[in-house]
Amino acid sequence: QVRLVESGGGSVQAGGSLRLSCVGSGRMRDINAMGWYRQAPGKQRELVAVISNGGNTNYADSVKGRFTITRNNAKNTVYLQMDSLKPEDTAVYFCTGGRWVAQYFVENWGQGTQVTVST
């Protein structure tokens, strides 16, 4: 079992920035990737970004060039730097851990952190 704890959500005006952090603990050797999903009110949960243990990354088209995912393997921590935020980025953001083999399979979820972007 992998436990994931997010922090860093909050409210910001459009054009601003936020940085999310997620610390993993437990059986971290069971996963080879960590990522971020988000869910806006009335919408399906969607993948935002994922990073492998080796540093490979993948982003949703809607956040490319604005969001950056990084990780510190020694600290079992993954970060999501969000710049040029838009109101449509408003959502609950979930940290995830799983296996990335051609496709990212989520096995563990954090509790979520709210990000609100106002005009």
Protein backbone atom coordinates (compact mmCIF):
# COMPACT_ATOMS: atom_id res chain seq x y z
CA GLN A 1 0.00 0.00 0.00
CA VAL A 2 1.22 3.46 -0.94
CA ARG A 3 0.03 6.52 0.96
CA LEU A 4 -0.02 9.88 -0.82
CA VAL A 5 -0.48 13.24 0.90
CA GLU A 6 -0.94 16.42 -1.13
CA SER A 7 -0.38 20.01 -0.13
CA GLY A 8 -0.20 23.41 -1.80
CA GLY A 9 -3.68 23.98 -3.14
CA GLY A 10 -5.47 27.27 -2.74
CA SER A 11 -7.00 30.22 -4.53
CA VAL A 12 -5.28 32.41 -7.07
CA GLN A 13 -6.23 34.92 -9.73
CA ALA A 14 -6.00 34.05 -13.40
CA GLY A 15 -2.44 34.33 -14.64
CA GLY A 16 -1.03 33.42 -11.26
CA SER A 17 0.92 30.39 -10.10
CA LEU A 18 0.61 27.60 -7.56
CA ARG A 19 2.84 24.69 -6.65
CA LEU A 20 1.41 21.40 -5.49
CA SER A 21 3.44 18.85 -3.57
CA CYS A 22 2.78 15.21 -2.81
CA VAL A 23 4.72 13.01 -0.44
CA GLY A 24 4.53 9.26 -0.84
CA SER A 25 5.15 6.63 1.83
CA GLY A 26 4.77 2.90 2.24
CA ARG A 27 5.52 0.42 -0.55
CA MET A 28 6.92 2.95 -2.98
CA ARG A 29 8.92 0.24 -4.74
CA ASP A 30 5.61 -1.13 -6.03
CA ILE A 31 5.12 1.89 -8.31
CA ASN A 32 7.27 3.30 -11.11
CA ALA A 33 5.44 6.57 -11.72
CA MET A 34 3.60 9.35 -9.95
CA GLY A 35 1.20 11.82 -11.41
CA TRP A 36 -1.59 14.31 -10.97
CA TYR A 37 -5.24 14.00 -11.93
CA ARG A 38 -7.90 16.66 -11.54
CA GLN A 39 -11.66 16.73 -11.38
CA ALA A 40 -13.74 19.83 -11.97
CA PRO A 41 -17.37 20.07 -10.85
CA GLY A 42 -19.61 18.08 -13.15
CA LYS A 43 -16.69 16.71 -15.17
CA GLN A 44 -14.82 13.45 -15.33
CA ARG A 45 -11.50 13.03 -13.63
CA GLU A 46 -8.65 13.65 -16.09
CA LEU A 47 -4.92 13.05 -16.17
CA VAL A 48 -2.91 16.27 -15.88
CA ALA A 49 0.68 15.04 -15.82
CA VAL A 50 2.72 11.97 -14.98
CA ILE A 51 6.42 11.38 -14.33
CA SER A 52 8.26 8.09 -14.21
CA ASN A 53 10.97 7.12 -11.74
CA GLY A 54 13.42 7.80 -14.55
CA GLY A 55 12.11 11.29 -15.21
CA ASN A 56 10.02 10.72 -18.34
CA THR A 57 6.98 12.97 -18.41
CA ASN A 58 3.63 13.26 -20.14
CA TYR A 59 1.14 16.12 -20.01
CA ALA A 60 -2.44 16.77 -20.97
CA ASP A 61 -2.60 19.03 -24.00
CA SER A 62 -4.54 21.61 -21.99
CA VAL A 63 -1.62 22.20 -19.60
CA LYS A 64 1.41 21.80 -21.87
CA GLY A 65 3.70 24.80 -21.63
CA ARG A 66 2.04 26.00 -18.41
CA PHE A 67 2.46 23.13 -15.92
CA THR A 68 5.66 21.32 -15.00
CA ILE A 69 5.87 18.04 -13.11
CA THR A 70 9.05 17.14 -11.27
CA ARG A 71 10.02 14.70 -8.58
CA ASN A 72 12.60 14.11 -5.88
CA ASN A 73 13.06 10.36 -5.65
CA ALA A 74 15.12 10.58 -2.46
CA LYS A 75 12.17 12.29 -0.75
CA ASN A 76 9.43 10.27 -2.51
CA THR A 77 7.93 13.61 -3.48
CA VAL A 78 6.34 14.81 -6.70
CA TYR A 79 5.60 18.44 -7.52
CA LEU A 80 3.30 20.19 -9.95
CA GLN A 81 4.29 23.75 -10.78
CA MET A 82 1.28 25.49 -12.30
CA ASP A 83 1.87 28.78 -14.09
CA SER A 84 -0.38 31.02 -16.17
CA LEU A 85 -3.38 29.54 -14.42
CA LYS A 86 -6.80 29.86 -16.02
CA PRO A 87 -10.28 29.66 -14.49
CA GLU A 88 -10.76 26.35 -16.30
CA ASP A 89 -7.92 24.91 -14.21
CA THR A 90 -10.21 25.10 -11.18
CA ALA A 91 -10.59 21.57 -9.84
CA VAL A 92 -9.68 19.17 -7.09
CA TYR A 93 -6.20 17.88 -7.85
CA PHE A 94 -5.30 14.34 -6.84
CA CYS A 95 -1.83 12.92 -6.46
CA THR A 96 -1.50 9.41 -7.84
CA GLY A 97 0.98 6.55 -7.86
CA GLY A 98 1.03 3.63 -10.23
CA ARG A 99 2.65 1.77 -13.09
CA TRP A 100 3.52 3.43 -16.39
CA VAL A 101 4.03 0.94 -19.19
CA ALA A 102 2.91 2.50 -22.47
CA GLN A 103 -0.08 3.68 -20.46
CA TYR A 104 -0.34 4.99 -16.91
CA PHE A 105 -2.26 2.68 -14.59
CA VAL A 106 -3.17 4.37 -11.31
CA GLU A 107 -3.03 2.18 -8.22
CA ASN A 108 -3.04 4.73 -5.44
CA TRP A 109 -4.83 8.05 -4.84
CA GLY A 110 -4.28 10.93 -2.49
CA GLN A 111 -7.16 12.70 -0.78
CA GLY A 112 -7.11 15.67 -3.16
CA THR A 113 -6.44 19.37 -2.81
CA GLN A 114 -8.62 22.19 -4.12
CA VAL A 115 -7.29 24.67 -6.67
CA THR A 116 -9.49 27.65 -7.46
CA VAL A 117 -8.61 30.17 -10.16
CA SER A 118 -10.68 33.33 -10.30
CA THR A 119 -11.01 35.90 -13.07
